[in-house]
Amino acid sequence: MSDRPTVQQLVYFLAAVEHRSFAAAAEHLYIAQPSLSAAVRQLERTLGVVLFTRTNRSLQLTDAGRLLVPWAEKVVTDVDDLTAAVRDVRELAGGTVAFGTFSSAHLYLLPAVTAEFHRRYPGVRIRVLGLNSAEVADAVRAGDLEAGLVQLPIDDRGLWVSAPVLTDSVVYVSADPERTREPVDVGRLAAAPLILSEARWARDDPLRRALTERAQRAGVTLRPTFEVEFQTAAVEMAAHGVGDSLVSYLVTRWKGYPAGLHWAPLDPVFDEHFALVTRQSGALSPATRAFMTLAEHHIRALQDVADAGRQPT
């Protein structure tokens, strides 16, 4: 036998309090009276007190019984609330999505995914953080986020990493159409007035690392004239003719992409691979799992668009 009261015992106790009779309480709960009486006796043995004075006419609470009533009511209410909350999460009538992405995803992926998800599950809160991929991986590893969409490669310690779900390419963008008439090699990049994003994460950024390696092999030095945090800032500066930049091709399909900004692929083409990540030891909530499934659906549609970035305009 348990040395602690059970929720069922407390429910039976409260029914007996309400109906002042084991028989009436059992009838109300649709159970046999001996089962209810035995549960209350076990509750008394567990607590080491007598809860009722039994008379021929009705049950009378003892002092210990009166003391137990508010505690029993609180426990039963808390359990009912917990059951309802878990049911809401399971049925996606409540809960929270906790998801992270690389920063430019909010331009061409997140608006559509979050809008459709909210239409389907209006009771679920959505917490989506747009961060650098390395920071997303750290947040998932630490348990601050349940899952994320990141650019590969990342530090995958303690993480489950999916196969790539999206492959995009990096393109060179400029307000001067003459600079985008043909693919751009690393020699031209070294001579260009470059605006590069991911300023805080330069050492961890896959593009920055790959370009540095290309420059070293070609015997040139790649030094950006300007460094900013977000691709949107780099795009706006390039549109104003401040310099040229590098962005994911899908950014050029963003509705807010400046009309006067031209693009050309890199030579050789630089592909970006994106994957979903979760913690190896963590279970996903139904809300976050449903969000990931919907994101994958939208990502599949984006792949056809991204494939166009492999060809010059």
C-alpha atoms as a PDB file:
ATOM      1  CA  MET A   1       0.000   0.000   0.000  1.00  0.00           C
ATOM      2  CA  SER A   2       1.074   3.591  -0.667  1.00  0.00           C
ATOM      3  CA  ASP A   3       2.213   5.642   2.311  1.00  0.00           C
ATOM      4  CA  ARG A   4       0.679   8.727   0.718  1.00  0.00           C
ATOM      5  CA  PRO A   5      -2.946   9.605  -0.019  1.00  0.00           C
ATOM      6  CA  THR A   6      -4.006   9.040  -3.607  1.00  0.00           C
ATOM      7  CA  VAL A   7      -6.090  11.422  -5.678  1.00  0.00           C
ATOM      8  CA  GLN A   8      -8.787   8.771  -5.942  1.00  0.00           C
ATOM      9  CA  GLN A   9      -8.975   8.456  -2.136  1.00  0.00           C
ATOM     10  CA  LEU A  10      -9.342  12.231  -1.845  1.00  0.00           C
ATOM     11  CA  VAL A  11     -12.109  12.276  -4.460  1.00  0.00           C
ATOM     12  CA  TYR A  12     -13.975   9.556  -2.568  1.00  0.00           C
ATOM     13  CA  PHE A  13     -13.440  11.405   0.722  1.00  0.00           C
ATOM     14  CA  LEU A  14     -14.851  14.656  -0.693  1.00  0.00           C
ATOM     15  CA  ALA A  15     -17.851  12.826  -2.157  1.00  0.00           C
ATOM     16  CA  ALA A  16     -18.570  11.328   1.268  1.00  0.00           C
ATOM     17  CA  VAL A  17     -18.281  14.799   2.822  1.00  0.00           C
ATOM     18  CA  GLU A  18     -20.692  16.235   0.280  1.00  0.00           C
ATOM     19  CA  HIS A  19     -23.295  13.473   0.529  1.00  0.00           C
ATOM     20  CA  ARG A  20     -22.760  12.612   4.241  1.00  0.00           C
ATOM     21  CA  SER A  21     -23.140   8.948   3.375  1.00  0.00           C
ATOM     22  CA  PHE A  22     -20.882   6.309   1.850  1.00  0.00           C
ATOM     23  CA  ALA A  23     -23.859   4.827   0.035  1.00  0.00           C
ATOM     24  CA  ALA A  24     -24.946   8.138  -1.473  1.00  0.00           C
ATOM     25  CA  ALA A  25     -21.374   9.070  -2.387  1.00  0.00           C
ATOM     26  CA  ALA A  26     -20.840   5.697  -4.081  1.00  0.00           C
ATOM     27  CA  GLU A  27     -24.092   6.074  -6.006  1.00  0.00           C
ATOM     28  CA  HIS A  28     -23.049   9.560  -7.156  1.00  0.00           C
ATOM     29  CA  LEU A  29     -19.672   8.246  -8.391  1.00  0.00           C
ATOM     30  CA  TYR A  30     -21.189   5.110  -9.971  1.00  0.00           C
ATOM     31  CA  ILE A  31     -19.043   2.745  -7.925  1.00  0.00           C
ATOM     32  CA  ALA A  32     -19.773   0.023  -5.383  1.00  0.00           C
ATOM     33  CA  GLN A  33     -20.119   1.215  -1.786  1.00  0.00           C
ATOM     34  CA  PRO A  34     -17.569  -1.312  -0.403  1.00  0.00           C
ATOM     35  CA  SER A  35     -14.940   0.094  -2.793  1.00  0.00           C
ATOM     36  CA  LEU A  36     -15.541   3.654  -1.604  1.00  0.00           C
ATOM     37  CA  SER A  37     -15.644   2.667   2.078  1.00  0.00           C
ATOM     38  CA  ALA A  38     -12.405   0.693   1.723  1.00  0.00           C
ATOM     39  CA  ALA A  39     -10.667   3.664   0.027  1.00  0.00           C
ATOM     40  CA  VAL A  40     -11.681   6.036   2.827  1.00  0.00           C
ATOM     41  CA  ARG A  41     -10.521   3.562   5.487  1.00  0.00           C
ATOM     42  CA  GLN A  42      -7.162   3.257   3.721  1.00  0.00           C
ATOM     43  CA  LEU A  43      -6.917   7.049   3.629  1.00  0.00           C
ATOM     44  CA  GLU A  44      -7.502   7.141   7.393  1.00  0.00           C
ATOM     45  CA  ARG A  45      -4.825   4.476   7.947  1.00  0.00           C
ATOM     46  CA  THR A  46      -2.366   6.376   5.737  1.00  0.00           C
ATOM     47  CA  LEU A  47      -2.944   9.645   7.612  1.00  0.00           C
ATOM     48  CA  GLY A  48      -3.198   7.980  10.986  1.00  0.00           C
ATOM     49  CA  VAL A  49      -6.411   9.781  11.907  1.00  0.00           C
ATOM     50  CA  VAL A  50     -10.150   9.180  11.939  1.00  0.00           C
ATOM     51  CA  LEU A  51     -11.911  11.394   9.404  1.00  0.00           C
ATOM     52  CA  PHE A  52     -15.554  10.592  10.070  1.00  0.00           C
ATOM     53  CA  THR A  53     -17.704   9.782  13.049  1.00  0.00           C
ATOM     54  CA  ARG A  54     -20.099   7.153  11.756  1.00  0.00           C
ATOM     55  CA  THR A  55     -23.663   7.358  13.030  1.00  0.00           C
ATOM     56  CA  ASN A  56     -26.841   5.593  11.979  1.00  0.00           C
ATOM     57  CA  ARG A  57     -28.113   8.709  10.256  1.00  0.00           C
ATOM     58  CA  SER A  58     -25.056  10.269   8.528  1.00  0.00           C
ATOM     59  CA  LEU A  59     -21.331  10.783   8.504  1.00  0.00           C
ATOM     60  CA  GLN A  60     -19.949  13.546  10.697  1.00  0.00           C
ATOM     61  CA  LEU A  61     -16.511  15.031  10.102  1.00  0.00           C
ATOM     62  CA  THR A  62     -13.975  14.878  12.903  1.00  0.00           C
ATOM     63  CA  ASP A  63     -11.606  17.768  13.534  1.00  0.00           C
ATOM     64  CA  ALA A  64      -9.018  15.988  11.366  1.00  0.00           C
ATOM     65  CA  GLY A  65     -11.613  15.534   8.643  1.00  0.00           C
ATOM     66  CA  ARG A  66     -12.522  19.221   8.647  1.00  0.00           C
ATOM     67  CA  LEU A  67      -8.821  20.094   8.414  1.00  0.00           C
ATOM     68  CA  LEU A  68      -8.380  17.798   5.419  1.00  0.00           C
ATOM     69  CA  VAL A  69     -11.283  19.166   3.346  1.00  0.00           C
ATOM     70  CA  PRO A  70      -9.616  22.350   1.941  1.00  0.00           C
ATOM     71  CA  TRP A  71      -6.368  20.488   1.260  1.00  0.00           C
ATOM     72  CA  ALA A  72      -8.198  17.692  -0.539  1.00  0.00           C
ATOM     73  CA  GLU A  73     -10.178  20.206  -2.592  1.00  0.00           C
ATOM     74  CA  LYS A  74      -6.988  21.993  -3.617  1.00  0.00           C
ATOM     75  CA  VAL A  75      -5.235  18.767  -4.668  1.00  0.00           C
ATOM     76  CA  VAL A  76      -8.209  17.564  -6.712  1.00  0.00           C
ATOM     77  CA  THR A  77      -8.607  20.975  -8.376  1.00  0.00           C
ATOM     78  CA  ASP A  78      -4.893  21.128  -9.213  1.00  0.00           C
ATOM     79  CA  VAL A  79      -5.015  17.661 -10.738  1.00  0.00           C
ATOM     80  CA  ASP A  80      -8.083  18.605 -12.788  1.00  0.00           C
ATOM     81  CA  ASP A  81      -6.317  21.769 -14.003  1.00  0.00           C
ATOM     82  CA  LEU A  82      -3.198  19.784 -14.852  1.00  0.00           C
ATOM     83  CA  THR A  83      -5.230  17.234 -16.793  1.00  0.00           C
ATOM     84  CA  ALA A  84      -6.974  19.975 -18.752  1.00  0.00           C
ATOM     85  CA  ALA A  85      -3.687  21.733 -19.514  1.00  0.00           C
ATOM     86  CA  VAL A  86      -2.022  18.561 -20.754  1.00  0.00           C
ATOM     87  CA  ARG A  87      -5.093  17.734 -22.831  1.00  0.00           C
ATOM     88  CA  ASP A  88      -4.953  21.210 -24.412  1.00  0.00           C
ATOM     89  CA  VAL A  89      -1.286  20.731 -25.269  1.00  0.00           C
ATOM     90  CA  ARG A  90      -1.902  17.253 -26.660  1.00  0.00           C
ATOM     91  CA  GLU A  91      -4.827  18.462 -28.757  1.00  0.00           C
ATOM     92  CA  LEU A  92      -3.005  21.700 -29.712  1.00  0.00           C
ATOM     93  CA  ALA A  93      -5.608  23.862 -28.005  1.00  0.00           C
ATOM     94  CA  GLY A  94      -2.804  25.347 -25.895  1.00  0.00           C
ATOM     95  CA  GLY A  95       0.927  25.189 -25.318  1.00  0.00           C
ATOM     96  CA  THR A  96       3.851  27.077 -26.834  1.00  0.00           C
ATOM     97  CA  VAL A  97       6.051  26.619 -29.880  1.00  0.00           C
ATOM     98  CA  ALA A  98       9.723  27.194 -28.965  1.00  0.00           C
ATOM     99  CA  PHE A  99      11.686  27.368 -32.213  1.00  0.00           C
ATOM    100  CA  GLY A 100      14.784  29.136 -33.520  1.00  0.00           C
ATOM    101  CA  THR A 101      16.008  30.028 -37.005  1.00  0.00           C
ATOM    102  CA  PHE A 102      18.838  31.772 -38.785  1.00  0.00           C
ATOM    103  CA  SER A 103      18.063  35.481 -39.046  1.00  0.00           C
ATOM    104  CA  SER A 104      17.068  35.814 -42.723  1.00  0.00           C
ATOM    105  CA  ALA A 105      14.394  33.086 -42.501  1.00  0.00           C
ATOM    106  CA  HIS A 106      11.926  35.703 -41.270  1.00  0.00           C
ATOM    107  CA  LEU A 107      12.035  37.276 -44.741  1.00  0.00           C
ATOM    108  CA  TYR A 108      10.844  34.342 -46.836  1.00  0.00           C
ATOM    109  CA  LEU A 109       9.773  31.482 -44.555  1.00  0.00           C
ATOM    110  CA  LEU A 110       8.521  32.440 -41.095  1.00  0.00           C
ATOM    111  CA  PRO A 111       5.644  34.793 -42.065  1.00  0.00           C
ATOM    112  CA  ALA A 112       3.894  32.106 -44.104  1.00  0.00           C
ATOM    113  CA  VAL A 113       4.565  29.318 -41.572  1.00  0.00           C
ATOM    114  CA  THR A 114       3.479  31.276 -38.509  1.00  0.00           C
ATOM    115  CA  ALA A 115       0.365  32.648 -40.240  1.00  0.00           C
ATOM    116  CA  GLU A 116      -0.824  29.205 -41.313  1.00  0.00           C
ATOM    117  CA  PHE A 117       0.053  27.630 -37.964  1.00  0.00           C
ATOM    118  CA  HIS A 118      -1.917  30.308 -36.105  1.00  0.00           C
ATOM    119  CA  ARG A 119      -4.933  29.767 -38.351  1.00  0.00           C
ATOM    120  CA  ARG A 120      -4.826  26.056 -37.586  1.00  0.00           C
ATOM    121  CA  TYR A 121      -4.048  26.292 -33.874  1.00  0.00           C
ATOM    122  CA  PRO A 122      -5.143  29.721 -32.559  1.00  0.00           C
ATOM    123  CA  GLY A 123      -4.779  28.630 -28.934  1.00  0.00           C
ATOM    124  CA  VAL A 124      -1.044  27.895 -29.228  1.00  0.00           C
ATOM    125  CA  ARG A 125       1.495  30.617 -28.438  1.00  0.00           C
ATOM    126  CA  ILE A 126       4.365  30.955 -30.899  1.00  0.00           C
ATOM    127  CA  ARG A 127       7.853  31.841 -29.691  1.00  0.00           C
ATOM    128  CA  VAL A 128      10.202  31.906 -32.665  1.00  0.00           C
ATOM    129  CA  LEU A 129      13.624  33.497 -32.297  1.00  0.00           C
ATOM    130  CA  GLY A 130      15.597  34.596 -35.338  1.00  0.00           C
ATOM    131  CA  LEU A 131      19.243  34.161 -34.447  1.00  0.00           C
ATOM    132  CA  ASN A 132      22.497  33.144 -36.007  1.00  0.00           C
ATOM    133  CA  SER A 133      22.609  29.373 -36.601  1.00  0.00           C
ATOM    134  CA  ALA A 134      25.383  28.884 -34.034  1.00  0.00           C
ATOM    135  CA  GLU A 135      23.288  30.674 -31.410  1.00  0.00           C
ATOM    136  CA  VAL A 136      20.213  28.599 -32.312  1.00  0.00           C
ATOM    137  CA  ALA A 137      22.239  25.404 -31.856  1.00  0.00           C
ATOM    138  CA  ASP A 138      23.464  26.607 -28.456  1.00  0.00           C
ATOM    139  CA  ALA A 139      19.919  27.522 -27.357  1.00  0.00           C
ATOM    140  CA  VAL A 140      18.546  24.115 -28.400  1.00  0.00           C
ATOM    141  CA  ARG A 141      21.434  22.336 -26.681  1.00  0.00           C
ATOM    142  CA  ALA A 142      20.757  24.328 -23.481  1.00  0.00           C
ATOM    143  CA  GLY A 143      17.014  23.610 -23.590  1.00  0.00           C
ATOM    144  CA  ASP A 144      16.024  27.264 -24.094  1.00  0.00           C
ATOM    145  CA  LEU A 145      14.519  26.275 -27.448  1.00  0.00           C
ATOM    146  CA  GLU A 146      13.031  22.909 -28.376  1.00  0.00           C
ATOM    147  CA  ALA A 147      14.121  22.884 -32.006  1.00  0.00           C
ATOM    148  CA  GLY A 148      15.516  25.021 -34.776  1.00  0.00           C
ATOM    149  CA  LEU A 149      16.336  25.444 -38.444  1.00  0.00           C
ATOM    150  CA  VAL A 150      20.043  26.113 -38.916  1.00  0.00           C
ATOM    151  CA  GLN A 151      22.649  26.502 -41.608  1.00  0.00           C
ATOM    152  CA  LEU A 152      25.220  23.718 -41.692  1.00  0.00           C
ATOM    153  CA  PRO A 153      27.796  23.037 -40.448  1.00  0.00           C
ATOM    154  CA  ILE A 154      27.203  23.619 -36.745  1.00  0.00           C
ATOM    155  CA  ASP A 155      28.601  22.241 -33.507  1.00  0.00           C
ATOM    156  CA  ASP A 156      26.302  19.202 -33.218  1.00  0.00           C
ATOM    157  CA  ARG A 157      27.316  17.994 -29.757  1.00  0.00           C
ATOM    158  CA  GLY A 158      24.208  16.829 -27.909  1.00  0.00           C
ATOM    159  CA  LEU A 159      22.001  17.550 -30.925  1.00  0.00           C
ATOM    160  CA  TRP A 160      20.045  15.520 -33.421  1.00  0.00           C
ATOM    161  CA  VAL A 161      20.590  17.034 -36.868  1.00  0.00           C
ATOM    162  CA  SER A 162      18.351  16.108 -39.785  1.00  0.00           C
ATOM    163  CA  ALA A 163      19.496  15.582 -43.336  1.00  0.00           C
ATOM    164  CA  PRO A 164      19.482  18.914 -45.206  1.00  0.00           C
ATOM    165  CA  VAL A 165      15.903  20.073 -45.765  1.00  0.00           C
ATOM    166  CA  LEU A 166      16.821  23.064 -47.959  1.00  0.00           C
ATOM    167  CA  THR A 167      19.723  23.934 -50.216  1.00  0.00           C
ATOM    168  CA  ASP A 168      20.076  27.564 -51.244  1.00  0.00           C
ATOM    169  CA  SER A 169      22.946  29.442 -52.882  1.00  0.00           C
ATOM    170  CA  VAL A 170      24.769  32.647 -52.074  1.00  0.00           C
ATOM    171  CA  VAL A 171      24.568  35.430 -54.647  1.00  0.00           C
ATOM    172  CA  TYR A 172      26.404  38.713 -55.155  1.00  0.00           C
ATOM    173  CA  VAL A 173      24.121  41.764 -55.083  1.00  0.00           C
ATOM    174  CA  SER A 174      24.841  45.269 -56.348  1.00  0.00           C
ATOM    175  CA  ALA A 175      22.980  48.403 -57.360  1.00  0.00           C
ATOM    176  CA  ASP A 176      25.309  48.550 -60.399  1.00  0.00           C
ATOM    177  CA  PRO A 177      24.074  46.125 -63.087  1.00  0.00           C
ATOM    178  CA  GLU A 178      27.522  46.053 -64.688  1.00  0.00           C
ATOM    179  CA  ARG A 179      28.903  44.246 -61.630  1.00  0.00           C
ATOM    180  CA  THR A 180      26.369  41.412 -61.956  1.00  0.00           C
ATOM    181  CA  ARG A 181      26.585  40.634 -65.667  1.00  0.00           C
ATOM    182  CA  GLU A 182      28.604  37.473 -64.992  1.00  0.00           C
ATOM    183  CA  PRO A 183      29.365  35.130 -62.075  1.00  0.00           C
ATOM    184  CA  VAL A 184      31.648  36.646 -59.445  1.00  0.00           C
ATOM    185  CA  ASP A 185      34.834  34.863 -58.412  1.00  0.00           C
ATOM    186  CA  VAL A 186      36.812  35.410 -55.225  1.00  0.00           C
ATOM    187  CA  GLY A 187      39.262  37.728 -56.972  1.00  0.00           C
ATOM    188  CA  ARG A 188      36.472  40.158 -57.802  1.00  0.00           C
ATOM    189  CA  LEU A 189      35.105  39.787 -54.267  1.00  0.00           C
ATOM    190  CA  ALA A 190      38.494  40.812 -52.853  1.00  0.00           C
ATOM    191  CA  ALA A 191      38.454  43.987 -54.970  1.00  0.00           C
ATOM    192  CA  ALA A 192      34.792  44.865 -54.292  1.00  0.00           C
ATOM    193  CA  PRO A 193      33.484  47.266 -51.623  1.00  0.00           C
ATOM    194  CA  LEU A 194      31.888  44.438 -49.679  1.00  0.00           C
ATOM    195  CA  ILE A 195      29.157  44.693 -47.059  1.00  0.00           C
ATOM    196  CA  LEU A 196      29.051  41.462 -45.063  1.00  0.00           C
ATOM    197  CA  SER A 197      26.452  40.479 -42.474  1.00  0.00           C
ATOM    198  CA  GLU A 198      26.820  38.258 -39.367  1.00  0.00           C
ATOM    199  CA  ALA A 199      29.334  40.710 -37.875  1.00  0.00           C
ATOM    200  CA  ARG A 200      29.152  39.208 -34.381  1.00  0.00           C
ATOM    201  CA  TRP A 201      29.406  35.656 -35.682  1.00  0.00           C
ATOM    202  CA  ALA A 202      32.106  36.026 -38.329  1.00  0.00           C
ATOM    203  CA  ARG A 203      34.206  33.163 -36.940  1.00  0.00           C
ATOM    204  CA  ASP A 204      31.246  30.775 -36.798  1.00  0.00           C
ATOM    205  CA  ASP A 205      29.531  31.786 -40.037  1.00  0.00           C
ATOM    206  CA  PRO A 206      29.902  29.025 -42.697  1.00  0.00           C
ATOM    207  CA  LEU A 207      29.955  31.538 -45.570  1.00  0.00           C
ATOM    208  CA  ARG A 208      32.648  33.686 -43.965  1.00  0.00           C
ATOM    209  CA  ARG A 209      34.821  30.639 -43.327  1.00  0.00           C
ATOM    210  CA  ALA A 210      34.371  29.266 -46.841  1.00  0.00           C
ATOM    211  CA  LEU A 211      35.141  32.605 -48.489  1.00  0.00           C
ATOM    212  CA  THR A 212      38.283  32.981 -46.390  1.00  0.00           C
ATOM    213  CA  GLU A 213      39.450  29.555 -47.547  1.00  0.00           C
ATOM    214  CA  ARG A 214      38.714  30.431 -51.195  1.00  0.00           C
ATOM    215  CA  ALA A 215      40.646  33.672 -50.877  1.00  0.00           C
ATOM    216  CA  GLN A 216      43.642  31.926 -49.322  1.00  0.00           C
ATOM    217  CA  ARG A 217      43.733  29.358 -52.131  1.00  0.00           C
ATOM    218  CA  ALA A 218      43.563  32.163 -54.703  1.00  0.00           C
ATOM    219  CA  GLY A 219      46.285  34.156 -52.957  1.00  0.00           C
ATOM    220  CA  VAL A 220      44.064  37.161 -52.210  1.00  0.00           C
ATOM    221  CA  THR A 221      42.770  38.754 -49.023  1.00  0.00           C
ATOM    222  CA  LEU A 222      39.091  39.261 -48.376  1.00  0.00           C
ATOM    223  CA  ARG A 223      38.423  42.316 -46.230  1.00  0.00           C
ATOM    224  CA  PRO A 224      34.859  43.654 -46.025  1.00  0.00           C
ATOM    225  CA  THR A 225      34.544  47.424 -46.163  1.00  0.00           C
ATOM    226  CA  PHE A 226      31.428  47.266 -43.993  1.00  0.00           C
ATOM    227  CA  GLU A 227      30.204  44.690 -41.477  1.00  0.00           C
ATOM    228  CA  VAL A 228      26.624  44.586 -40.199  1.00  0.00           C
ATOM    229  CA  GLU A 229      24.565  42.150 -38.168  1.00  0.00           C
ATOM    230  CA  PHE A 230      21.627  41.334 -40.444  1.00  0.00           C
ATOM    231  CA  GLN A 231      21.284  40.577 -44.135  1.00  0.00           C
ATOM    232  CA  THR A 232      18.429  43.061 -44.345  1.00  0.00           C
ATOM    233  CA  ALA A 233      20.795  45.862 -43.332  1.00  0.00           C
ATOM    234  CA  ALA A 234      23.358  44.723 -45.913  1.00  0.00           C
ATOM    235  CA  VAL A 235      20.647  44.663 -48.602  1.00  0.00           C
ATOM    236  CA  GLU A 236      19.454  48.170 -47.766  1.00  0.00           C
ATOM    237  CA  MET A 237      22.997  49.542 -47.812  1.00  0.00           C
ATOM    238  CA  ALA A 238      23.700  47.859 -51.142  1.00  0.00           C
ATOM    239  CA  ALA A 239      20.464  49.278 -52.563  1.00  0.00           C
ATOM    240  CA  HIS A 240      21.711  52.756 -51.615  1.00  0.00           C
ATOM    241  CA  GLY A 241      24.944  52.141 -53.505  1.00  0.00           C
ATOM    242  CA  VAL A 242      27.104  52.094 -50.374  1.00  0.00           C
ATOM    243  CA  GLY A 243      28.731  48.845 -51.486  1.00  0.00           C
ATOM    244  CA  ASP A 244      27.929  45.337 -52.714  1.00  0.00           C
ATOM    245  CA  SER A 245      26.924  42.367 -50.609  1.00  0.00           C
ATOM    246  CA  LEU A 246      26.347  38.640 -50.448  1.00  0.00           C
ATOM    247  CA  VAL A 247      22.944  37.204 -49.561  1.00  0.00           C
ATOM    248  CA  SER A 248      21.046  33.957 -49.860  1.00  0.00           C
ATOM    249  CA  TYR A 249      19.249  33.741 -53.196  1.00  0.00           C
ATOM    250  CA  LEU A 250      15.906  33.344 -51.433  1.00  0.00           C
ATOM    251  CA  VAL A 251      16.414  36.801 -49.922  1.00  0.00           C
ATOM    252  CA  THR A 252      16.240  38.204 -53.471  1.00  0.00           C
ATOM    253  CA  ARG A 253      12.715  36.700 -53.705  1.00  0.00           C
ATOM    254  CA  TRP A 254      11.639  38.519 -50.520  1.00  0.00           C
ATOM    255  CA  LYS A 255       8.720  40.890 -51.155  1.00  0.00           C
ATOM    256  CA  GLY A 256      10.686  43.728 -49.599  1.00  0.00           C
ATOM    257  CA  TYR A 257      13.777  43.166 -51.770  1.00  0.00           C
ATOM    258  CA  PRO A 258      14.742  46.469 -53.448  1.00  0.00           C
ATOM    259  CA  ALA A 259      13.742  46.498 -57.122  1.00  0.00           C
ATOM    260  CA  GLY A 260      16.935  48.250 -58.213  1.00  0.00           C
ATOM    261  CA  LEU A 261      19.272  45.672 -56.717  1.00  0.00           C
ATOM    262  CA  HIS A 262      20.778  43.165 -59.177  1.00  0.00           C
ATOM    263  CA  TRP A 263      22.369  39.802 -58.475  1.00  0.00           C
ATOM    264  CA  ALA A 264      24.806  37.279 -59.895  1.00  0.00           C
ATOM    265  CA  PRO A 265      25.884  33.821 -58.674  1.00  0.00           C
ATOM    266  CA  LEU A 266      29.309  33.192 -57.232  1.00  0.00           C
ATOM    267  CA  ASP A 267      31.937  31.327 -59.251  1.00  0.00           C
ATOM    268  CA  PRO A 268      32.076  28.554 -58.224  1.00  0.00           C
ATOM    269  CA  VAL A 269      28.531  28.400 -56.878  1.00  0.00           C
ATOM    270  CA  PHE A 270      28.411  28.443 -53.096  1.00  0.00           C
ATOM    271  CA  ASP A 271      25.612  26.265 -51.731  1.00  0.00           C
ATOM    272  CA  GLU A 272      24.108  26.715 -48.271  1.00  0.00           C
ATOM    273  CA  HIS A 273      22.588  23.661 -46.618  1.00  0.00           C
ATOM    274  CA  PHE A 274      19.953  23.986 -43.907  1.00  0.00           C
ATOM    275  CA  ALA A 275      18.765  21.333 -41.447  1.00  0.00           C
ATOM    276  CA  LEU A 276      16.446  20.898 -38.489  1.00  0.00           C
ATOM    277  CA  VAL A 277      17.946  20.347 -35.045  1.00  0.00           C
ATOM    278  CA  THR A 278      16.593  19.123 -31.706  1.00  0.00           C
ATOM    279  CA  ARG A 279      18.212  17.971 -28.490  1.00  0.00           C
ATOM    280  CA  GLN A 280      19.223  14.334 -28.475  1.00  0.00           C
ATOM    281  CA  SER A 281      17.800  13.856 -24.979  1.00  0.00           C
ATOM    282  CA  GLY A 282      14.780  16.129 -25.263  1.00  0.00           C
ATOM    283  CA  ALA A 283      11.196  15.273 -26.179  1.00  0.00           C
ATOM    284  CA  LEU A 284       9.357  17.711 -28.425  1.00  0.00           C
ATOM    285  CA  SER A 285       6.062  19.198 -27.339  1.00  0.00           C
ATOM    286  CA  PRO A 286       3.136  18.510 -29.699  1.00  0.00           C
ATOM    287  CA  ALA A 287       3.044  22.223 -30.597  1.00  0.00           C
ATOM    288  CA  THR A 288       6.694  22.429 -31.636  1.00  0.00           C
ATOM    289  CA  ARG A 289       6.492  19.107 -33.493  1.00  0.00           C
ATOM    290  CA  ALA A 290       3.468  20.366 -35.458  1.00  0.00           C
ATOM    291  CA  PHE A 291       5.289  23.629 -36.213  1.00  0.00           C
ATOM    292  CA  MET A 292       8.302  21.715 -37.536  1.00  0.00           C
ATOM    293  CA  THR A 293       6.090  19.573 -39.767  1.00  0.00           C
ATOM    294  CA  LEU A 294       4.415  22.650 -41.215  1.00  0.00           C
ATOM    295  CA  ALA A 295       7.779  24.377 -41.697  1.00  0.00           C
ATOM    296  CA  GLU A 296       9.061  21.365 -43.644  1.00  0.00           C
ATOM    297  CA  HIS A 297       6.018  21.577 -45.934  1.00  0.00           C
ATOM    298  CA  HIS A 298       6.768  25.223 -46.721  1.00  0.00           C
ATOM    299  CA  ILE A 299      10.488  24.520 -47.102  1.00  0.00           C
ATOM    300  CA  ARG A 300       9.786  21.899 -49.771  1.00  0.00           C
ATOM    301  CA  ALA A 301       7.948  24.538 -51.783  1.00  0.00           C
ATOM    302  CA  LEU A 302      10.877  26.941 -51.367  1.00  0.00           C
ATOM    303  CA  GLN A 303      13.370  24.464 -52.805  1.00  0.00           C
ATOM    304  CA  ASP A 304      12.036  24.908 -56.334  1.00  0.00           C
ATOM    305  CA  VAL A 305      12.491  28.662 -55.948  1.00  0.00           C
ATOM    306  CA  ALA A 306      15.986  28.275 -54.496  1.00  0.00           C
ATOM    307  CA  ASP A 307      17.096  26.127 -57.421  1.00  0.00           C
ATOM    308  CA  ALA A 308      16.745  29.139 -59.702  1.00  0.00           C
ATOM    309  CA  GLY A 309      19.594  30.794 -57.833  1.00  0.00           C
ATOM    310  CA  ARG A 310      22.078  28.433 -59.460  1.00  0.00           C
ATOM    311  CA  GLN A 311      21.668  30.217 -62.764  1.00  0.00           C
ATOM    312  CA  PRO A 312      22.606  33.818 -63.630  1.00  0.00           C
ATOM    313  CA  THR A 313      19.885  36.278 -64.519  1.00  0.00           C
END
